[in-house]
Protein backbone atom coordinates (compact mmCIF):
# COMPACT_ATOMS: atom_id res chain seq x y z
CA MET A 1 2.75 -5.95 -44.90
CA THR A 2 -0.07 -8.51 -44.88
CA ARG A 3 1.06 -10.53 -41.84
CA PRO A 4 0.56 -7.83 -39.11
CA ILE A 5 -2.69 -6.72 -40.77
CA ARG A 6 -4.02 -10.29 -40.76
CA LEU A 7 -3.01 -10.86 -37.12
CA LEU A 8 -4.58 -7.63 -35.91
CA GLY A 9 -7.67 -8.24 -38.04
CA VAL A 10 -8.19 -11.74 -36.65
CA ALA A 11 -7.83 -10.47 -33.07
CA PHE A 12 -10.14 -7.53 -33.77
CA TRP A 13 -13.01 -9.55 -35.20
CA ALA A 14 -12.64 -12.46 -32.80
CA MET A 15 -13.02 -10.16 -29.80
CA ALA A 16 -15.76 -8.13 -31.46
CA TRP A 17 -17.99 -11.18 -31.84
CA LEU A 18 -17.49 -12.57 -28.36
CA PRO A 19 -20.60 -12.28 -26.15
CA GLY A 20 -21.09 -9.69 -23.47
CA ALA A 21 -20.38 -6.52 -25.45
CA ALA A 22 -21.80 -4.06 -22.96
CA GLY A 23 -18.80 -1.77 -22.90
CA GLY A 24 -17.66 1.19 -20.91
CA GLN A 25 -16.09 -0.01 -17.66
CA GLU A 26 -13.08 2.28 -17.89
CA VAL A 27 -14.21 4.30 -14.86
CA PRO A 28 -14.46 2.32 -11.62
CA ALA A 29 -17.88 2.30 -10.00
CA GLY A 30 -18.11 5.13 -7.51
CA ALA A 31 -14.94 6.79 -8.79
CA GLY A 32 -16.92 9.63 -10.21
CA GLY A 33 -15.12 10.23 -13.47
CA GLY A 34 -16.75 13.64 -13.55
CA GLN A 35 -20.24 12.26 -12.92
CA ASP A 36 -20.93 15.01 -10.42
CA HIS A 37 -20.48 17.50 -13.25
CA GLY A 38 -23.31 16.35 -15.49
CA ALA A 39 -21.74 13.17 -16.91
CA PRO A 40 -23.89 10.10 -17.59
CA ALA A 41 -24.40 7.66 -14.72
CA THR A 42 -23.06 4.77 -16.85
CA PRO A 43 -19.23 4.55 -16.87
CA ARG A 44 -17.56 5.50 -20.14
CA ILE A 45 -14.46 4.67 -22.17
CA ARG A 46 -11.66 6.99 -21.10
CA ASP A 47 -8.07 5.99 -21.87
CA ASN A 48 -8.01 4.76 -25.46
CA LEU A 49 -6.85 7.48 -27.86
CA LEU A 50 -5.34 6.25 -31.13
CA VAL A 51 -2.76 9.01 -31.79
CA LEU A 52 -2.45 11.21 -28.69
CA GLU A 53 -2.13 10.46 -24.99
CA GLU A 54 -4.92 10.82 -22.46
CA ALA A 55 -4.27 11.86 -18.83
CA TYR A 56 -5.72 8.82 -17.05
CA ASN A 57 -3.37 6.32 -15.39
CA GLN A 58 -4.33 2.68 -14.99
CA GLU A 59 -6.66 1.85 -12.09
CA PRO A 60 -5.10 0.09 -9.06
CA GLY A 61 -4.27 -3.51 -9.93
CA VAL A 62 -5.44 -3.18 -13.55
CA VAL A 63 -3.01 -3.53 -16.48
CA GLN A 64 -3.43 -2.70 -20.15
CA HIS A 65 -1.85 -4.09 -23.33
CA ILE A 66 -2.08 -1.86 -26.42
CA LEU A 67 -1.44 -2.51 -30.12
CA VAL A 68 -1.48 0.31 -32.69
CA LEU A 69 -0.99 -0.46 -36.37
CA GLY A 70 -0.48 2.29 -38.96
CA VAL A 71 -0.65 1.38 -42.66
CA ASP A 72 0.12 3.45 -45.76
CA PRO A 73 -1.79 1.67 -48.57
CA ARG A 74 -0.03 3.62 -51.31
CA SER A 75 3.55 2.76 -50.31
CA ARG A 76 2.66 -0.55 -48.57
CA GLY A 77 4.69 0.51 -45.56
CA TRP A 78 3.49 0.00 -42.01
CA SER A 79 4.37 0.64 -38.37
CA LEU A 80 3.33 -1.32 -35.29
CA SER A 81 3.68 -0.33 -31.64
CA PHE A 82 3.05 -2.40 -28.53
CA THR A 83 2.66 -0.76 -25.11
CA ASP A 84 2.28 -2.46 -21.73
CA GLU A 85 0.98 -0.27 -18.86
CA TRP A 86 1.13 -1.14 -15.15
CA PRO A 87 0.03 0.86 -12.06
CA VAL A 88 2.63 1.14 -9.27
CA PRO A 89 0.61 -0.12 -7.45
CA THR A 90 -2.20 2.47 -7.56
CA ASP A 91 -3.06 5.03 -10.22
CA ARG A 92 -0.84 7.66 -8.57
CA ASN A 93 2.11 6.32 -10.60
CA GLN A 94 2.30 4.17 -13.71
CA VAL A 95 5.16 2.47 -15.57
CA SER A 96 5.06 1.18 -19.13
CA ILE A 97 7.22 0.05 -22.01
CA THR A 98 6.68 0.76 -25.70
CA LEU A 99 8.14 -1.35 -28.51
CA ASN A 100 8.06 0.06 -32.06
CA PHE A 101 8.37 -1.92 -35.27
CA SER A 102 8.19 -0.78 -38.88
CA ARG A 103 8.61 -1.89 -42.46
CA ASP A 104 9.58 0.56 -45.19
CA PRO A 105 8.79 -0.35 -48.81
CA GLY A 106 12.44 -0.04 -49.88
CA ALA A 107 13.87 -2.09 -47.00
CA ASP A 108 14.09 -5.82 -46.42
CA GLY A 109 12.35 -7.27 -43.39
CA VAL A 110 10.88 -5.68 -40.30
CA ALA A 111 12.94 -3.18 -38.27
CA LEU A 112 12.84 -2.63 -34.53
CA SER A 113 12.79 1.09 -33.79
CA GLU A 114 13.63 2.81 -30.51
CA VAL A 115 12.18 1.40 -27.28
CA LEU A 116 10.62 3.73 -24.70
CA VAL A 117 10.56 3.04 -20.95
CA ASN A 118 7.92 5.33 -19.45
CA TRP A 119 6.93 6.66 -16.04
CA ARG A 120 3.76 8.72 -15.51
CA HIS A 121 2.46 10.58 -12.44
CA GLN A 122 -1.23 11.31 -11.86
CA ALA A 123 -0.90 14.91 -10.70
CA VAL A 124 -4.62 15.77 -11.00
CA GLY A 125 -7.63 13.45 -11.22
CA MET A 126 -6.53 10.71 -8.82
CA GLY A 127 -9.06 7.85 -8.80
CA GLY A 128 -10.87 9.23 -11.85
CA VAL A 129 -12.55 11.92 -9.73
CA GLY A 130 -13.36 15.30 -11.23
CA PRO A 131 -13.65 16.71 -14.75
CA VAL A 132 -9.92 17.52 -15.14
CA ALA A 133 -6.97 15.11 -15.22
CA LEU A 134 -3.24 15.82 -15.62
CA ALA A 135 -0.58 13.10 -15.85
CA PRO A 136 2.97 14.19 -16.86
CA ARG A 137 5.10 11.48 -18.48
CA LEU A 138 8.89 11.08 -18.61
CA SER A 139 10.45 8.46 -20.91
CA LEU A 140 13.90 7.06 -21.56
CA VAL A 141 14.44 6.52 -25.30
CA ILE A 142 16.67 3.48 -25.84
CA PRO A 143 18.50 3.31 -29.22
CA THR A 144 17.58 -0.28 -30.08
CA GLY A 145 16.97 0.46 -33.77
CA SER A 146 19.39 0.77 -36.67
CA LEU A 147 21.20 4.03 -37.32
CA ALA A 148 21.87 2.99 -40.92
CA ARG A 149 18.19 2.28 -41.63
CA GLY A 150 17.03 5.45 -39.91
CA THR A 151 15.11 3.66 -37.14
CA SER A 152 17.34 4.99 -34.36
CA ARG A 153 19.39 8.08 -33.46
CA GLY A 154 22.20 5.87 -32.16
CA VAL A 155 22.24 7.43 -28.67
CA PHE A 156 19.97 7.55 -25.63
CA GLY A 157 17.36 10.30 -25.44
CA VAL A 158 14.73 11.67 -23.10
CA GLN A 159 11.10 12.37 -23.93
CA GLY A 160 8.53 14.28 -21.89
CA ASN A 161 4.83 14.75 -22.50
CA LEU A 162 2.15 16.70 -20.64
CA PRO A 163 -1.34 15.29 -21.30
CA LEU A 164 -4.35 17.21 -20.02
CA SER A 165 -7.89 15.78 -20.21
CA ILE A 166 -10.99 17.92 -19.66
CA GLU A 167 -14.62 16.82 -19.57
CA ALA A 168 -16.17 19.73 -21.46
CA GLY A 169 -19.76 18.70 -20.92
CA ARG A 170 -22.02 15.70 -20.79
CA TRP A 171 -20.94 14.23 -24.12
CA VAL A 172 -17.54 15.77 -24.99
CA VAL A 173 -14.01 15.27 -23.65
CA VAL A 174 -11.04 17.39 -24.77
CA HIS A 175 -7.46 16.08 -24.61
CA LEU A 176 -4.43 18.38 -24.96
CA ASN A 177 -0.80 17.24 -25.35
CA GLY A 178 2.49 19.13 -25.27
CA GLY A 179 5.72 17.17 -25.61
CA LEU A 180 9.47 17.43 -26.20
CA THR A 181 12.11 14.85 -27.15
CA VAL A 182 15.77 15.69 -26.48
CA THR A 183 18.55 13.56 -28.01
CA PRO A 184 22.08 14.64 -26.98
CA GLY A 185 24.92 13.87 -29.39
CA ALA A 186 22.88 12.48 -32.29
CA ALA A 187 25.18 11.65 -35.21
CA ALA A 188 24.70 12.54 -38.88
CA GLY A 189 27.70 12.12 -41.13
CA GLY A 190 30.79 13.10 -39.16
CA SER A 191 29.11 15.59 -36.82
CA ARG A 192 27.03 15.33 -33.66
CA ARG A 193 24.44 17.67 -32.25
CA THR A 194 21.66 17.79 -29.67
CA LEU A 195 18.22 17.41 -31.22
CA TRP A 196 15.21 19.26 -29.82
CA GLU A 197 11.91 17.93 -31.19
CA PRO A 198 8.66 19.44 -29.86
CA SER A 199 5.13 18.21 -30.46
CA ALA A 200 1.61 19.39 -29.65
CA GLY A 201 -1.81 17.88 -30.14
CA VAL A 202 -5.52 18.13 -29.44
CA ALA A 203 -8.24 15.49 -29.50
CA LEU A 204 -12.02 15.78 -29.29
CA VAL A 205 -13.99 12.75 -28.12
CA GLY A 206 -17.74 12.58 -28.66
CA GLN A 207 -19.58 10.11 -26.46
CA PRO A 208 -23.06 9.45 -27.89
CA LEU A 209 -23.03 6.07 -26.07
CA PRO A 210 -20.99 4.96 -23.05
CA TRP A 211 -19.43 2.12 -25.08
CA PHE A 212 -19.09 3.89 -28.46
CA ASN A 213 -17.08 7.07 -29.12
CA LEU A 214 -16.32 9.36 -32.05
CA LEU A 215 -12.73 10.63 -32.24
CA LEU A 216 -11.01 13.55 -33.94
CA GLU A 217 -7.29 13.81 -33.18
CA GLY A 218 -4.69 16.26 -34.46
CA LEU A 219 -0.93 16.12 -33.87
CA PHE A 220 1.85 18.55 -34.85
CA GLU A 221 5.45 17.26 -34.78
CA SER A 222 8.70 19.09 -35.48
CA GLN A 223 11.37 16.45 -36.08
CA GLU A 224 14.96 16.23 -37.24
CA GLU A 225 15.81 13.82 -40.07
CA ALA A 226 19.24 12.82 -41.35
CA ASP A 227 19.72 14.03 -44.93
CA GLN A 228 23.04 13.56 -46.75
CA GLY A 229 25.17 13.73 -43.65
CA ARG A 230 23.35 16.50 -41.80
CA TRP A 231 20.16 17.04 -39.84
CA ARG A 232 17.15 18.61 -41.53
CA ARG A 233 14.05 19.79 -39.66
CA VAL A 234 10.72 18.43 -40.91
CA GLN A 235 7.35 19.58 -39.59
CA ARG A 236 4.33 17.30 -39.92
CA VAL A 237 0.64 17.46 -39.07
CA THR A 238 -1.50 14.36 -38.65
CA VAL A 239 -5.30 14.52 -38.56
CA ALA A 240 -7.11 11.32 -37.59
CA PRO A 241 -10.93 11.02 -37.49
CA GLY A 242 -12.05 7.68 -36.11
CA VAL A 243 -14.18 5.57 -33.78
CA ARG A 244 -13.66 3.28 -30.81
CA PHE A 245 -15.91 0.96 -28.81
CA ALA A 246 -15.65 -1.24 -25.73
CA ILE A 247 -16.37 -4.93 -25.25
CA ASP A 248 -16.67 -6.09 -21.64
CA HIS A 249 -16.35 -9.70 -20.50
CA GLY A 250 -18.33 -10.04 -17.29
CA PRO A 251 -16.79 -11.38 -14.08
CA SER A 252 -13.25 -11.68 -15.49
CA GLY A 253 -12.98 -7.89 -15.66
CA LEU A 254 -11.48 -8.05 -19.15
CA GLN A 255 -12.26 -5.14 -21.43
CA VAL A 256 -11.32 -5.06 -25.11
CA VAL A 257 -11.33 -1.73 -26.98
CA PRO A 258 -10.98 -1.84 -30.78
CA GLY A 259 -10.61 1.40 -32.72
CA LEU A 260 -10.21 2.47 -36.33
CA ALA A 261 -9.26 5.82 -37.87
CA ALA A 262 -8.18 7.40 -41.12
CA SER A 263 -4.79 9.11 -41.02
CA LEU A 264 -4.19 12.31 -43.02
CA ASP A 265 -0.51 13.24 -42.80
CA PHE A 266 1.14 16.21 -44.50
CA GLN A 267 4.29 18.27 -44.14
CA VAL A 268 4.21 21.90 -43.02
CA ARG A 269 6.64 24.39 -44.53
CA ARG A 270 8.70 26.78 -42.43
CA ASP A 271 6.13 29.52 -43.00
CA PHE A 272 3.58 27.08 -41.51
CA ARG A 273 1.70 26.64 -44.78
CA ALA A 274 0.56 23.16 -45.69
CA GLY A 275 2.63 21.31 -48.27
CA ARG A 276 1.23 19.25 -51.11
CA ASP A 277 2.65 15.91 -50.01
CA LEU A 278 -0.46 14.37 -48.42
CA ALA A 279 -0.27 10.77 -47.20
CA VAL A 280 -3.53 8.97 -46.48
CA GLY A 281 -3.35 5.93 -44.23
CA VAL A 282 -5.26 3.77 -41.79
CA ILE A 283 -4.78 3.39 -38.03
CA ALA A 284 -6.07 0.27 -36.29
CA TYR A 285 -6.12 0.11 -32.48
CA LEU A 286 -6.67 -2.81 -30.12
CA SER A 287 -6.27 -2.86 -26.33
CA PHE A 288 -6.82 -5.46 -23.64
CA GLU A 289 -7.37 -4.31 -20.05
CA HIS A 290 -7.79 -6.67 -17.10
CA PRO A 291 -7.16 -7.02 -13.34
CA ALA A 292 -3.69 -8.43 -12.61
CA PHE A 293 -3.20 -8.08 -8.84
CA GLU A 294 -5.01 -6.92 -5.73
CA VAL A 295 -4.23 -3.67 -3.96
CA ASP A 296 -5.03 -3.29 -0.25
């Protein structure tokens, strides 16, 4: 468990102490970003949620590399995801790939989970203009993990998500997510069935400073888990209060956004009452965003 924590910690503090921490260049100058609706004149951080998905595609020619580490101190288990996002070639469309790794306390070594290849369309809010943004995503779920270790379903799946971002005033942004993962022919024991796994979430972002934000994210997931040769539905809620800030690096255009949140995860019974099995963890976030190519 200590190796990924040390690596992320070294990267986090090294970038945090580099000079030029002005922050907040997520919105291109002149793009608006809702500035005509009472937003501050200084650009703000926009696309760096820790748990949910915002509705802002990458700016033309600008790519982003994202690391998210989740740690359960009690069990010493952890999960690590890496996402690479690229505009195609403008912010109208975006492609990305997500690699997921994990280590369970009772397992040996690190396991590669399922890989997602993602496409997202900026349906509303092109160029960061206006207070509302909508960017539907469609993903191919590739079964690269291990069926025996529970890190894969063993078959290809499809995932969709509908993120909606709304600037609800000068200092507050609301993000809403609704998603569904469909896995045809998932095997458990000797039987196969199609799994339908919905999710929904909401995030509130407070922006007291353009380069420093307060986060409160909530996610509901209804998942199927293999249990003694058959599928069992498990419903979970995750609540994550946290912070994020931006570090800008002058003429290079590089922006680094570290973030940190507590993770409160508990199961929900079928009557939608909270269970007693509460897991408290930590989520560490680190992204690097920089120009990669020119767009005419």
